[in-house]
Amino acid sequence: MNLREGLAWLDRGLIAHDPCQVEYRRAGRAPITFNASKGKPKFEVTDENGVSIRAHLWDFLVLVADLEFEPKAGDVIIAGGRRYEVMDLGPDGCWQWTGSHMTTYRIHTKDVGAET
C-alpha cells in the first residue's frame, strides 16, 4: 500500500466509524444514497464593526467517489429524517477538502427542517 492508498483508507475509515446514511439531492438529477459522517462545527464571523455572528451548522464528510460531482449551494442532503441545505460560507464556498489527497469533501449545510 502506498501513501495515497493509505490516506484514502483512513478517509473511508473515518466515515465507516460513525456513518449515517444520506440521500444527496440536486435539481434535475436522480438522488444518490451513500454513507457519510456528520459533524457540527462552530462558525463565527466578525464584521467590520466588530459585531460577531455565530451560526450552528452541520458538516457532512463525503467520499468524492460516492458523490459523482462537486457539491454546490442549494443542493439538499437528507439524513435522519431532516433536510440539510448546502450553503456557502463566504469566500470558503460550500465545501472544502478534508485530508491531503482530495478524497473527501467537507460539505457545509444548515438544517432546514423535517423531511416531509
PDB file of N, CA and C in Angstrom:
ATOM      1  N   MET A   1       0.851  -1.172   0.000  1.00  0.00           N
ATOM      2  CA  MET A   1       0.000   0.000   0.000  1.00  0.00           C
ATOM      3  C   MET A   1       0.897   1.235   0.000  1.00  0.00           C
ATOM      4  N   ASN A   2       0.630   2.183  -0.925  1.00  0.00           N
ATOM      5  CA  ASN A   2       1.400   3.422  -0.945  1.00  0.00           C
ATOM      6  C   ASN A   2       0.712   4.475  -0.068  1.00  0.00           C
ATOM      7  N   LEU A   3       1.311   5.642   0.048  1.00  0.00           N
ATOM      8  CA  LEU A   3       0.800   6.690   0.923  1.00  0.00           C
ATOM      9  C   LEU A   3      -0.595   7.141   0.493  1.00  0.00           C
ATOM     10  N   ARG A   4      -0.814   7.325  -0.783  1.00  0.00           N
ATOM     11  CA  ARG A   4      -2.120   7.765  -1.290  1.00  0.00           C
ATOM     12  C   ARG A   4      -3.203   6.739  -0.932  1.00  0.00           C
ATOM     13  N   GLU A   5      -2.923   5.470  -1.112  1.00  0.00           N
ATOM     14  CA  GLU A   5      -3.880   4.418  -0.773  1.00  0.00           C
ATOM     15  C   GLU A   5      -4.141   4.386   0.731  1.00  0.00           C
ATOM     16  N   GLY A   6      -3.093   4.591   1.513  1.00  0.00           N
ATOM     17  CA  GLY A   6      -3.231   4.606   2.962  1.00  0.00           C
ATOM     18  C   GLY A   6      -4.106   5.746   3.448  1.00  0.00           C
ATOM     19  N   LEU A   7      -3.929   6.930   2.868  1.00  0.00           N
ATOM     20  CA  LEU A   7      -4.752   8.072   3.251  1.00  0.00           C
ATOM     21  C   LEU A   7      -6.204   7.879   2.824  1.00  0.00           C
ATOM     22  N   ALA A   8      -6.419   7.307   1.652  1.00  0.00           N
ATOM     23  CA  ALA A   8      -7.784   7.009   1.203  1.00  0.00           C
ATOM     24  C   ALA A   8      -8.439   6.004   2.156  1.00  0.00           C
ATOM     25  N   TRP A   9      -7.664   5.017   2.609  1.00  0.00           N
ATOM     26  CA  TRP A   9      -8.174   4.029   3.571  1.00  0.00           C
ATOM     27  C   TRP A   9      -8.583   4.729   4.870  1.00  0.00           C
ATOM     28  N   LEU A  10      -7.775   5.674   5.345  1.00  0.00           N
ATOM     29  CA  LEU A  10      -8.105   6.423   6.561  1.00  0.00           C
ATOM     30  C   LEU A  10      -9.388   7.235   6.376  1.00  0.00           C
ATOM     31  N   ASP A  11      -9.547   7.880   5.213  1.00  0.00           N
ATOM     32  CA  ASP A  11     -10.759   8.651   4.944  1.00  0.00           C
ATOM     33  C   ASP A  11     -11.989   7.749   4.980  1.00  0.00           C
ATOM     34  N   ARG A  12     -11.913   6.582   4.355  1.00  0.00           N
ATOM     35  CA  ARG A  12     -13.030   5.639   4.373  1.00  0.00           C
ATOM     36  C   ARG A  12     -13.313   5.174   5.799  1.00  0.00           C
ATOM     37  N   GLY A  13     -12.254   4.951   6.576  1.00  0.00           N
ATOM     38  CA  GLY A  13     -12.413   4.517   7.962  1.00  0.00           C
ATOM     39  C   GLY A  13     -13.094   5.558   8.820  1.00  0.00           C
ATOM     40  N   LEU A  14     -12.818   6.838   8.590  1.00  0.00           N
ATOM     41  CA  LEU A  14     -13.455   7.916   9.333  1.00  0.00           C
ATOM     42  C   LEU A  14     -14.961   7.883   9.118  1.00  0.00           C
ATOM     43  N   ILE A  15     -15.381   7.727   7.892  1.00  0.00           N
ATOM     44  CA  ILE A  15     -16.807   7.682   7.593  1.00  0.00           C
ATOM     45  C   ILE A  15     -17.420   6.391   8.110  1.00  0.00           C
ATOM     46  N   ALA A  16     -16.701   5.284   8.013  1.00  0.00           N
ATOM     47  CA  ALA A  16     -17.223   3.997   8.483  1.00  0.00           C
ATOM     48  C   ALA A  16     -17.339   3.960  10.011  1.00  0.00           C
ATOM     49  N   HIS A  17     -16.533   4.756  10.722  1.00  0.00           N
ATOM     50  CA  HIS A  17     -16.545   4.760  12.183  1.00  0.00           C
ATOM     51  C   HIS A  17     -17.867   5.285  12.743  1.00  0.00           C
ATOM     52  N   ASP A  18     -18.416   6.323  12.151  1.00  0.00           N
ATOM     53  CA  ASP A  18     -19.659   6.927  12.640  1.00  0.00           C
ATOM     54  C   ASP A  18     -20.546   7.282  11.449  1.00  0.00           C
ATOM     55  N   PRO A  19     -20.999   6.261  10.720  1.00  0.00           N
ATOM     56  CA  PRO A  19     -21.721   6.546   9.476  1.00  0.00           C
ATOM     57  C   PRO A  19     -23.181   6.924   9.695  1.00  0.00           C
ATOM     58  N   CYS A  20     -23.687   7.705   8.785  1.00  0.00           N
ATOM     59  CA  CYS A  20     -25.120   7.907   8.690  1.00  0.00           C
ATOM     60  C   CYS A  20     -25.457   7.829   7.209  1.00  0.00           C
ATOM     61  N   GLN A  21     -26.564   7.187   6.921  1.00  0.00           N
ATOM     62  CA  GLN A  21     -26.951   7.078   5.523  1.00  0.00           C
ATOM     63  C   GLN A  21     -27.605   8.383   5.109  1.00  0.00           C
ATOM     64  N   VAL A  22     -27.172   8.921   3.977  1.00  0.00           N
ATOM     65  CA  VAL A  22     -27.706  10.177   3.481  1.00  0.00           C
ATOM     66  C   VAL A  22     -28.200   9.999   2.053  1.00  0.00           C
ATOM     67  N   GLU A  23     -29.111  10.876   1.687  1.00  0.00           N
ATOM     68  CA  GLU A  23     -29.550  10.968   0.301  1.00  0.00           C
ATOM     69  C   GLU A  23     -29.181  12.363  -0.170  1.00  0.00           C
ATOM     70  N   TYR A  24     -28.419  12.440  -1.235  1.00  0.00           N
ATOM     71  CA  TYR A  24     -27.974  13.728  -1.767  1.00  0.00           C
ATOM     72  C   TYR A  24     -28.852  14.060  -2.959  1.00  0.00           C
ATOM     73  N   ARG A  25     -29.440  15.260  -2.930  1.00  0.00           N
ATOM     74  CA  ARG A  25     -30.357  15.673  -3.994  1.00  0.00           C
ATOM     75  C   ARG A  25     -29.871  16.950  -4.674  1.00  0.00           C
ATOM     76  N   ARG A  26     -29.961  16.927  -5.981  1.00  0.00           N
ATOM     77  CA  ARG A  26     -29.695  18.114  -6.795  1.00  0.00           C
ATOM     78  C   ARG A  26     -30.792  18.186  -7.845  1.00  0.00           C
ATOM     79  N   ALA A  27     -31.333  19.372  -8.040  1.00  0.00           N
ATOM     80  CA  ALA A  27     -32.396  19.561  -9.022  1.00  0.00           C
ATOM     81  C   ALA A  27     -31.952  19.030 -10.381  1.00  0.00           C
ATOM     82  N   GLY A  28     -32.826  18.278 -11.019  1.00  0.00           N
ATOM     83  CA  GLY A  28     -32.546  17.757 -12.347  1.00  0.00           C
ATOM     84  C   GLY A  28     -31.741  16.477 -12.388  1.00  0.00           C
ATOM     85  N   ARG A  29     -31.372  15.938 -11.221  1.00  0.00           N
ATOM     86  CA  ARG A  29     -30.606  14.684 -11.147  1.00  0.00           C
ATOM     87  C   ARG A  29     -31.316  13.700 -10.230  1.00  0.00           C
ATOM     88  N   ALA A  30     -31.084  12.433 -10.464  1.00  0.00           N
ATOM     89  CA  ALA A  30     -31.623  11.409  -9.567  1.00  0.00           C
ATOM     90  C   ALA A  30     -30.880  11.484  -8.231  1.00  0.00           C
ATOM     91  N   PRO A  31     -31.585  11.287  -7.102  1.00  0.00           N
ATOM     92  CA  PRO A  31     -30.920  11.294  -5.786  1.00  0.00           C
ATOM     93  C   PRO A  31     -29.873  10.180  -5.695  1.00  0.00           C
ATOM     94  N   ILE A  32     -28.834  10.424  -4.902  1.00  0.00           N
ATOM     95  CA  ILE A  32     -27.764   9.453  -4.672  1.00  0.00           C
ATOM     96  C   ILE A  32     -27.763   9.126  -3.181  1.00  0.00           C
ATOM     97  N   THR A  33     -27.713   7.846  -2.835  1.00  0.00           N
ATOM     98  CA  THR A  33     -27.681   7.419  -1.437  1.00  0.00           C
ATOM     99  C   THR A  33     -26.335   6.784  -1.122  1.00  0.00           C
ATOM    100  N   PHE A  34     -25.738   7.177   0.011  1.00  0.00           N
ATOM    101  CA  PHE A  34     -24.446   6.645   0.441  1.00  0.00           C
ATOM    102  C   PHE A  34     -24.257   6.961   1.917  1.00  0.00           C
ATOM    103  N   ASN A  35     -23.180   6.470   2.508  1.00  0.00           N
ATOM    104  CA  ASN A  35     -22.844   6.774   3.897  1.00  0.00           C
ATOM    105  C   ASN A  35     -21.958   8.003   3.956  1.00  0.00           C
ATOM    106  N   ALA A  36     -22.169   8.797   4.999  1.00  0.00           N
ATOM    107  CA  ALA A  36     -21.361   9.980   5.261  1.00  0.00           C
ATOM    108  C   ALA A  36     -21.141  10.057   6.765  1.00  0.00           C
ATOM    109  N   SER A  37     -20.306  10.965   7.178  1.00  0.00           N
ATOM    110  CA  SER A  37     -20.096  11.230   8.595  1.00  0.00           C
ATOM    111  C   SER A  37     -20.546  12.662   8.857  1.00  0.00           C
ATOM    112  N   LYS A  38     -21.240  12.871   9.955  1.00  0.00           N
ATOM    113  CA  LYS A  38     -21.856  14.158  10.246  1.00  0.00           C
ATOM    114  C   LYS A  38     -21.147  14.819  11.414  1.00  0.00           C
ATOM    115  N   GLY A  39     -20.898  16.115  11.298  1.00  0.00           N
ATOM    116  CA  GLY A  39     -20.261  16.866  12.367  1.00  0.00           C
ATOM    117  C   GLY A  39     -20.924  18.214  12.545  1.00  0.00           C
ATOM    118  N   LYS A  40     -20.681  18.832  13.684  1.00  0.00           N
ATOM    119  CA  LYS A  40     -21.293  20.130  13.982  1.00  0.00           C
ATOM    120  C   LYS A  40     -20.198  21.128  14.352  1.00  0.00           C
ATOM    121  N   PRO A  41     -19.652  21.826  13.341  1.00  0.00           N
ATOM    122  CA  PRO A  41     -18.585  22.789  13.630  1.00  0.00           C
ATOM    123  C   PRO A  41     -19.155  24.089  14.189  1.00  0.00           C
ATOM    124  N   LYS A  42     -18.323  24.852  14.855  1.00  0.00           N
ATOM    125  CA  LYS A  42     -18.701  26.194  15.285  1.00  0.00           C
ATOM    126  C   LYS A  42     -18.262  27.156  14.192  1.00  0.00           C
ATOM    127  N   PHE A  43     -19.127  28.088  13.861  1.00  0.00           N
ATOM    128  CA  PHE A  43     -18.802  29.061  12.828  1.00  0.00           C
ATOM    129  C   PHE A  43     -19.100  30.449  13.369  1.00  0.00           C
ATOM    130  N   GLU A  44     -18.107  31.325  13.288  1.00  0.00           N
ATOM    131  CA  GLU A  44     -18.274  32.684  13.780  1.00  0.00           C
ATOM    132  C   GLU A  44     -17.587  33.652  12.826  1.00  0.00           C
ATOM    133  N   VAL A  45     -18.286  34.749  12.531  1.00  0.00           N
ATOM    134  CA  VAL A  45     -17.754  35.787  11.648  1.00  0.00           C
ATOM    135  C   VAL A  45     -17.892  37.111  12.371  1.00  0.00           C
ATOM    136  N   THR A  46     -16.861  37.955  12.258  1.00  0.00           N
ATOM    137  CA  THR A  46     -16.912  39.293  12.833  1.00  0.00           C
ATOM    138  C   THR A  46     -16.915  40.297  11.692  1.00  0.00           C
ATOM    139  N   ASP A  47     -17.901  41.220  11.708  1.00  0.00           N
ATOM    140  CA  ASP A  47     -17.981  42.202  10.631  1.00  0.00           C
ATOM    141  C   ASP A  47     -17.046  43.373  10.904  1.00  0.00           C
ATOM    142  N   GLU A  48     -17.064  44.354   9.994  1.00  0.00           N
ATOM    143  CA  GLU A  48     -16.139  45.489  10.097  1.00  0.00           C
ATOM    144  C   GLU A  48     -16.413  46.363  11.322  1.00  0.00           C
ATOM    145  N   ASN A  49     -17.581  46.237  11.953  1.00  0.00           N
ATOM    146  CA  ASN A  49     -17.919  46.999  13.157  1.00  0.00           C
ATOM    147  C   ASN A  49     -17.614  46.236  14.438  1.00  0.00           C
ATOM    148  N   GLY A  50     -17.051  45.045  14.293  1.00  0.00           N
ATOM    149  CA  GLY A  50     -16.714  44.245  15.456  1.00  0.00           C
ATOM    150  C   GLY A  50     -17.854  43.396  15.984  1.00  0.00           C
ATOM    151  N   VAL A  51     -18.945  43.342  15.237  1.00  0.00           N
ATOM    152  CA  VAL A  51     -20.091  42.532  15.652  1.00  0.00           C
ATOM    153  C   VAL A  51     -19.859  41.092  15.212  1.00  0.00           C
ATOM    154  N   SER A  52     -19.971  40.161  16.166  1.00  0.00           N
ATOM    155  CA  SER A  52     -19.787  38.745  15.874  1.00  0.00           C
ATOM    156  C   SER A  52     -21.118  38.074  15.610  1.00  0.00           C
ATOM    157  N   ILE A  53     -21.128  37.238  14.607  1.00  0.00           N
ATOM    158  CA  ILE A  53     -22.313  36.452  14.277  1.00  0.00           C
ATOM    159  C   ILE A  53     -21.909  34.988  14.365  1.00  0.00           C
ATOM    160  N   ARG A  54     -22.672  34.235  15.145  1.00  0.00           N
ATOM    161  CA  ARG A  54     -22.411  32.803  15.279  1.00  0.00           C
ATOM    162  C   ARG A  54     -23.534  32.031  14.612  1.00  0.00           C
ATOM    163  N   ALA A  55     -23.174  30.921  14.033  1.00  0.00           N
ATOM    164  CA  ALA A  55     -24.174  30.078  13.382  1.00  0.00           C
ATOM    165  C   ALA A  55     -23.932  28.630  13.768  1.00  0.00           C
ATOM    166  N   HIS A  56     -25.012  27.880  13.853  1.00  0.00           N
ATOM    167  CA  HIS A  56     -24.911  26.443  14.094  1.00  0.00           C
ATOM    168  C   HIS A  56     -25.103  25.747  12.755  1.00  0.00           C
ATOM    169  N   LEU A  57     -24.082  25.090  12.328  1.00  0.00           N
ATOM    170  CA  LEU A  57     -24.076  24.436  11.032  1.00  0.00           C
ATOM    171  C   LEU A  57     -23.885  22.942  11.208  1.00  0.00           C
ATOM    172  N   TRP A  58     -24.123  22.218  10.142  1.00  0.00           N
ATOM    173  CA  TRP A  58     -23.823  20.797  10.087  1.00  0.00           C
ATOM    174  C   TRP A  58     -22.928  20.575   8.891  1.00  0.00           C
ATOM    175  N   ASP A  59     -21.845  19.874   9.098  1.00  0.00           N
ATOM    176  CA  ASP A  59     -20.971  19.465   8.001  1.00  0.00           C
ATOM    177  C   ASP A  59     -21.139  17.972   7.768  1.00  0.00           C
ATOM    178  N   PHE A  60     -21.033  17.561   6.523  1.00  0.00           N
ATOM    179  CA  PHE A  60     -21.051  16.156   6.165  1.00  0.00           C
ATOM    180  C   PHE A  60     -19.739  15.831   5.472  1.00  0.00           C
ATOM    181  N   LEU A  61     -19.064  14.777   5.947  1.00  0.00           N
ATOM    182  CA  LEU A  61     -17.866  14.279   5.281  1.00  0.00           C
ATOM    183  C   LEU A  61     -18.314  13.218   4.293  1.00  0.00           C
ATOM    184  N   VAL A  62     -17.999  13.444   3.029  1.00  0.00           N
ATOM    185  CA  VAL A  62     -18.481  12.603   1.935  1.00  0.00           C
ATOM    186  C   VAL A  62     -17.303  12.215   1.062  1.00  0.00           C
ATOM    187  N   LEU A  63     -17.183  10.930   0.758  1.00  0.00           N
ATOM    188  CA  LEU A  63     -16.132  10.492  -0.159  1.00  0.00           C
ATOM    189  C   LEU A  63     -16.433  11.008  -1.564  1.00  0.00           C
ATOM    190  N   VAL A  64     -15.434  11.582  -2.198  1.00  0.00           N
ATOM    191  CA  VAL A  64     -15.582  12.108  -3.558  1.00  0.00           C
ATOM    192  C   VAL A  64     -16.134  11.029  -4.489  1.00  0.00           C
ATOM    193  N   ALA A  65     -15.657   9.804  -4.339  1.00  0.00           N
ATOM    194  CA  ALA A  65     -16.087   8.706  -5.206  1.00  0.00           C
ATOM    195  C   ALA A  65     -17.578   8.400  -5.050  1.00  0.00           C
ATOM    196  N   ASP A  66     -18.172   8.717  -3.900  1.00  0.00           N
ATOM    197  CA  ASP A  66     -19.592   8.440  -3.677  1.00  0.00           C
ATOM    198  C   ASP A  66     -20.505   9.496  -4.298  1.00  0.00           C
ATOM    199  N   LEU A  67     -20.023  10.719  -4.432  1.00  0.00           N
ATOM    200  CA  LEU A  67     -20.900  11.818  -4.844  1.00  0.00           C
ATOM    201  C   LEU A  67     -21.019  11.989  -6.355  1.00  0.00           C
ATOM    202  N   GLU A  68     -20.003  11.726  -7.113  1.00  0.00           N
ATOM    203  CA  GLU A  68     -20.027  11.790  -8.577  1.00  0.00           C
ATOM    204  C   GLU A  68     -19.908  13.197  -9.158  1.00  0.00           C
ATOM    205  N   PHE A  69     -20.089  14.240  -8.373  1.00  0.00           N
ATOM    206  CA  PHE A  69     -19.972  15.620  -8.852  1.00  0.00           C
ATOM    207  C   PHE A  69     -19.624  16.515  -7.668  1.00  0.00           C
ATOM    208  N   GLU A  70     -19.180  17.731  -7.945  1.00  0.00           N
ATOM    209  CA  GLU A  70     -18.793  18.666  -6.903  1.00  0.00           C
ATOM    210  C   GLU A  70     -20.040  19.274  -6.248  1.00  0.00           C
ATOM    211  N   PRO A  71     -20.068  19.362  -4.914  1.00  0.00           N
ATOM    212  CA  PRO A  71     -21.225  19.959  -4.242  1.00  0.00           C
ATOM    213  C   PRO A  71     -21.429  21.413  -4.658  1.00  0.00           C
ATOM    214  N   LYS A  72     -22.678  21.872  -4.612  1.00  0.00           N
ATOM    215  CA  LYS A  72     -22.937  23.287  -4.864  1.00  0.00           C
ATOM    216  C   LYS A  72     -24.057  23.768  -3.956  1.00  0.00           C
ATOM    217  N   ALA A  73     -24.028  25.062  -3.655  1.00  0.00           N
ATOM    218  CA  ALA A  73     -25.036  25.665  -2.788  1.00  0.00           C
ATOM    219  C   ALA A  73     -26.420  25.418  -3.370  1.00  0.00           C
ATOM    220  N   GLY A  74     -27.364  25.105  -2.478  1.00  0.00           N
ATOM    221  CA  GLY A  74     -28.729  24.823  -2.890  1.00  0.00           C
ATOM    222  C   GLY A  74     -29.043  23.341  -2.978  1.00  0.00           C
ATOM    223  N   ASP A  75     -28.003  22.493  -3.082  1.00  0.00           N
ATOM    224  CA  ASP A  75     -28.230  21.048  -3.038  1.00  0.00           C
ATOM    225  C   ASP A  75     -28.813  20.711  -1.666  1.00  0.00           C
ATOM    226  N   VAL A  76     -29.415  19.534  -1.550  1.00  0.00           N
ATOM    227  CA  VAL A  76     -30.043  19.123  -0.291  1.00  0.00           C
ATOM    228  C   VAL A  76     -29.538  17.745   0.104  1.00  0.00           C
ATOM    229  N   ILE A  77     -29.250  17.601   1.400  1.00  0.00           N
ATOM    230  CA  ILE A  77     -28.878  16.306   1.967  1.00  0.00           C
ATOM    231  C   ILE A  77     -29.977  15.904   2.950  1.00  0.00           C
ATOM    232  N   ILE A  78     -30.478  14.693   2.796  1.00  0.00           N
ATOM    233  CA  ILE A  78     -31.479  14.152   3.713  1.00  0.00           C
ATOM    234  C   ILE A  78     -30.768  13.147   4.611  1.00  0.00           C
ATOM    235  N   ALA A  79     -30.895  13.331   5.925  1.00  0.00           N
ATOM    236  CA  ALA A  79     -30.257  12.424   6.886  1.00  0.00           C
ATOM    237  C   ALA A  79     -31.075  12.396   8.167  1.00  0.00           C
ATOM    238  N   GLY A  80     -31.377  11.198   8.646  1.00  0.00           N
ATOM    239  CA  GLY A  80     -32.085  11.059   9.914  1.00  0.00           C
ATOM    240  C   GLY A  80     -33.430  11.767   9.946  1.00  0.00           C
ATOM    241  N   GLY A  81     -34.120  11.819   8.811  1.00  0.00           N
ATOM    242  CA  GLY A  81     -35.426  12.462   8.759  1.00  0.00           C
ATOM    243  C   GLY A  81     -35.389  13.981   8.696  1.00  0.00           C
ATOM    244  N   ARG A  82     -34.201  14.558   8.513  1.00  0.00           N
ATOM    245  CA  ARG A  82     -34.028  16.016   8.441  1.00  0.00           C
ATOM    246  C   ARG A  82     -33.501  16.411   7.075  1.00  0.00           C
ATOM    247  N   ARG A  83     -33.797  17.641   6.671  1.00  0.00           N
ATOM    248  CA  ARG A  83     -33.286  18.221   5.422  1.00  0.00           C
ATOM    249  C   ARG A  83     -32.172  19.210   5.764  1.00  0.00           C
ATOM    250  N   TYR A  84     -31.073  19.091   5.057  1.00  0.00           N
ATOM    251  CA  TYR A  84     -29.938  19.992   5.233  1.00  0.00           C
ATOM    252  C   TYR A  84     -29.623  20.618   3.878  1.00  0.00           C
ATOM    253  N   GLU A  85     -29.641  21.936   3.823  1.00  0.00           N
ATOM    254  CA  GLU A  85     -29.350  22.627   2.572  1.00  0.00           C
ATOM    255  C   GLU A  85     -27.871  22.999   2.517  1.00  0.00           C
ATOM    256  N   VAL A  86     -27.231  22.664   1.408  1.00  0.00           N
ATOM    257  CA  VAL A  86     -25.826  23.012   1.205  1.00  0.00           C
ATOM    258  C   VAL A  86     -25.750  24.528   1.059  1.00  0.00           C
ATOM    259  N   MET A  87     -24.834  25.145   1.806  1.00  0.00           N
ATOM    260  CA  MET A  87     -24.751  26.606   1.813  1.00  0.00           C
ATOM    261  C   MET A  87     -23.321  27.101   1.736  1.00  0.00           C
ATOM    262  N   ASP A  88     -23.147  28.251   1.095  1.00  0.00           N
ATOM    263  CA  ASP A  88     -21.838  28.894   1.014  1.00  0.00           C
ATOM    264  C   ASP A  88     -21.470  29.516   2.352  1.00  0.00           C
ATOM    265  N   LEU A  89     -20.187  29.440   2.680  1.00  0.00           N
ATOM    266  CA  LEU A  89     -19.661  30.135   3.856  1.00  0.00           C
ATOM    267  C   LEU A  89     -18.723  31.231   3.369  1.00  0.00           C
ATOM    268  N   GLY A  90     -19.267  32.230   2.732  1.00  0.00           N
ATOM    269  CA  GLY A  90     -18.477  33.346   2.233  1.00  0.00           C
ATOM    270  C   GLY A  90     -17.455  32.897   1.214  1.00  0.00           C
ATOM    271  N   PRO A  91     -16.228  33.401   1.332  1.00  0.00           N
ATOM    272  CA  PRO A  91     -15.208  33.076   0.333  1.00  0.00           C
ATOM    273  C   PRO A  91     -14.764  31.612   0.357  1.00  0.00           C
ATOM    274  N   ASP A  92     -15.102  30.881   1.417  1.00  0.00           N
ATOM    275  CA  ASP A  92     -14.734  29.471   1.504  1.00  0.00           C
ATOM    276  C   ASP A  92     -15.638  28.576   0.663  1.00  0.00           C
ATOM    277  N   GLY A  93     -16.752  29.100   0.181  1.00  0.00           N
ATOM    278  CA  GLY A  93     -17.673  28.301  -0.613  1.00  0.00           C
ATOM    279  C   GLY A  93     -18.487  27.356   0.248  1.00  0.00           C
ATOM    280  N   CYS A  94     -19.057  26.340  -0.381  1.00  0.00           N
ATOM    281  CA  CYS A  94     -19.947  25.433   0.338  1.00  0.00           C
ATOM    282  C   CYS A  94     -19.272  24.132   0.745  1.00  0.00           C
ATOM    283  N   TRP A  95     -18.009  23.964   0.386  1.00  0.00           N
ATOM    284  CA  TRP A  95     -17.296  22.752   0.785  1.00  0.00           C
ATOM    285  C   TRP A  95     -15.801  23.032   0.798  1.00  0.00           C
ATOM    286  N   GLN A  96     -15.077  22.138   1.437  1.00  0.00           N
ATOM    287  CA  GLN A  96     -13.604  22.184   1.416  1.00  0.00           C
ATOM    288  C   GLN A  96     -13.095  20.757   1.436  1.00  0.00           C
ATOM    289  N   TRP A  97     -11.851  20.606   1.049  1.00  0.00           N
ATOM    290  CA  TRP A  97     -11.235  19.275   1.084  1.00  0.00           C
ATOM    291  C   TRP A  97     -10.939  18.890   2.518  1.00  0.00           C
ATOM    292  N   THR A  98     -11.103  17.613   2.817  1.00  0.00           N
ATOM    293  CA  THR A  98     -10.667  17.059   4.084  1.00  0.00           C
ATOM    294  C   THR A  98      -9.610  16.020   3.757  1.00  0.00           C
ATOM    295  N   GLY A  99      -8.494  16.089   4.418  1.00  0.00           N
ATOM    296  CA  GLY A  99      -7.398  15.189   4.095  1.00  0.00           C
ATOM    297  C   GLY A  99      -6.496  15.820   3.038  1.00  0.00           C
ATOM    298  N   SER A 100      -5.350  15.239   2.877  1.00  0.00           N
ATOM    299  CA  SER A 100      -4.349  15.846   2.000  1.00  0.00           C
ATOM    300  C   SER A 100      -4.390  15.365   0.557  1.00  0.00           C
ATOM    301  N   HIS A 101      -5.215  14.376   0.248  1.00  0.00           N
ATOM    302  CA  HIS A 101      -5.207  13.840  -1.118  1.00  0.00           C
ATOM    303  C   HIS A 101      -6.544  14.010  -1.844  1.00  0.00           C
ATOM    304  N   MET A 102      -7.347  14.942  -1.373  1.00  0.00           N
ATOM    305  CA  MET A 102      -8.585  15.316  -2.057  1.00  0.00           C
ATOM    306  C   MET A 102      -9.490  14.121  -2.338  1.00  0.00           C
ATOM    307  N   THR A 103      -9.720  13.307  -1.323  1.00  0.00           N
ATOM    308  CA  THR A 103     -10.609  12.153  -1.476  1.00  0.00           C
ATOM    309  C   THR A 103     -11.918  12.335  -0.717  1.00  0.00           C
ATOM    310  N   THR A 104     -12.014  13.396   0.108  1.00  0.00           N
ATOM    311  CA  THR A 104     -13.201  13.611   0.931  1.00  0.00           C
ATOM    312  C   THR A 104     -13.609  15.080   0.907  1.00  0.00           C
ATOM    313  N   TYR A 105     -14.916  15.319   0.662  1.00  0.00           N
ATOM    314  CA  TYR A 105     -15.482  16.665   0.773  1.00  0.00           C
ATOM    315  C   TYR A 105     -15.972  16.881   2.198  1.00  0.00           C
ATOM    316  N   ARG A 106     -15.779  18.074   2.723  1.00  0.00           N
ATOM    317  CA  ARG A 106     -16.459  18.538   3.943  1.00  0.00           C
ATOM    318  C   ARG A 106     -17.484  19.538   3.432  1.00  0.00           C
ATOM    319  N   ILE A 107     -18.764  19.120   3.446  1.00  0.00           N
ATOM    320  CA  ILE A 107     -19.827  19.922   2.860  1.00  0.00           C
ATOM    321  C   ILE A 107     -20.559  20.680   3.970  1.00  0.00           C
ATOM    322  N   HIS A 108     -20.674  22.001   3.813  1.00  0.00           N
ATOM    323  CA  HIS A 108     -21.308  22.862   4.806  1.00  0.00           C
ATOM    324  C   HIS A 108     -22.805  22.956   4.528  1.00  0.00           C
ATOM    325  N   THR A 109     -23.611  22.722   5.573  1.00  0.00           N
ATOM    326  CA  THR A 109     -25.062  22.757   5.413  1.00  0.00           C
ATOM    327  C   THR A 109     -25.727  23.445   6.601  1.00  0.00           C
ATOM    328  N   LYS A 110     -27.002  23.760   6.412  1.00  0.00           N
ATOM    329  CA  LYS A 110     -27.844  24.225   7.516  1.00  0.00           C
ATOM    330  C   LYS A 110     -29.075  23.341   7.574  1.00  0.00           C
ATOM    331  N   ASP A 111     -29.553  23.091   8.768  1.00  0.00           N
ATOM    332  CA  ASP A 111     -30.752  22.273   8.982  1.00  0.00           C
ATOM    333  C   ASP A 111     -31.954  23.143   8.617  1.00  0.00           C
ATOM    334  N   VAL A 112     -32.741  22.686   7.655  1.00  0.00           N
ATOM    335  CA  VAL A 112     -33.906  23.470   7.225  1.00  0.00           C
ATOM    336  C   VAL A 112     -35.235  22.813   7.612  1.00  0.00           C
ATOM    337  N   GLY A 113     -35.172  21.780   8.430  1.00  0.00           N
ATOM    338  CA  GLY A 113     -36.411  21.197   8.939  1.00  0.00           C
ATOM    339  C   GLY A 113     -36.576  19.732   8.627  1.00  0.00           C
ATOM    340  N   ALA A 114     -37.695  19.224   9.052  1.00  0.00           N
ATOM    341  CA  ALA A 114     -38.003  17.811   8.882  1.00  0.00           C
ATOM    342  C   ALA A 114     -38.263  17.482   7.418  1.00  0.00           C
ATOM    343  N   GLU A 115     -37.868  16.297   7.020  1.00  0.00           N
ATOM    344  CA  GLU A 115     -38.153  15.802   5.679  1.00  0.00           C
ATOM    345  C   GLU A 115     -39.612  15.374   5.663  1.00  0.00           C
ATOM    346  N   THR A 116     -40.357  15.857   4.707  1.00  0.00           N
ATOM    347  CA  THR A 116     -41.781  15.524   4.651  1.00  0.00           C
ATOM    348  C   THR A 116     -42.072  14.505   3.577  1.00  0.00           C
TER     349      THR A 116
END
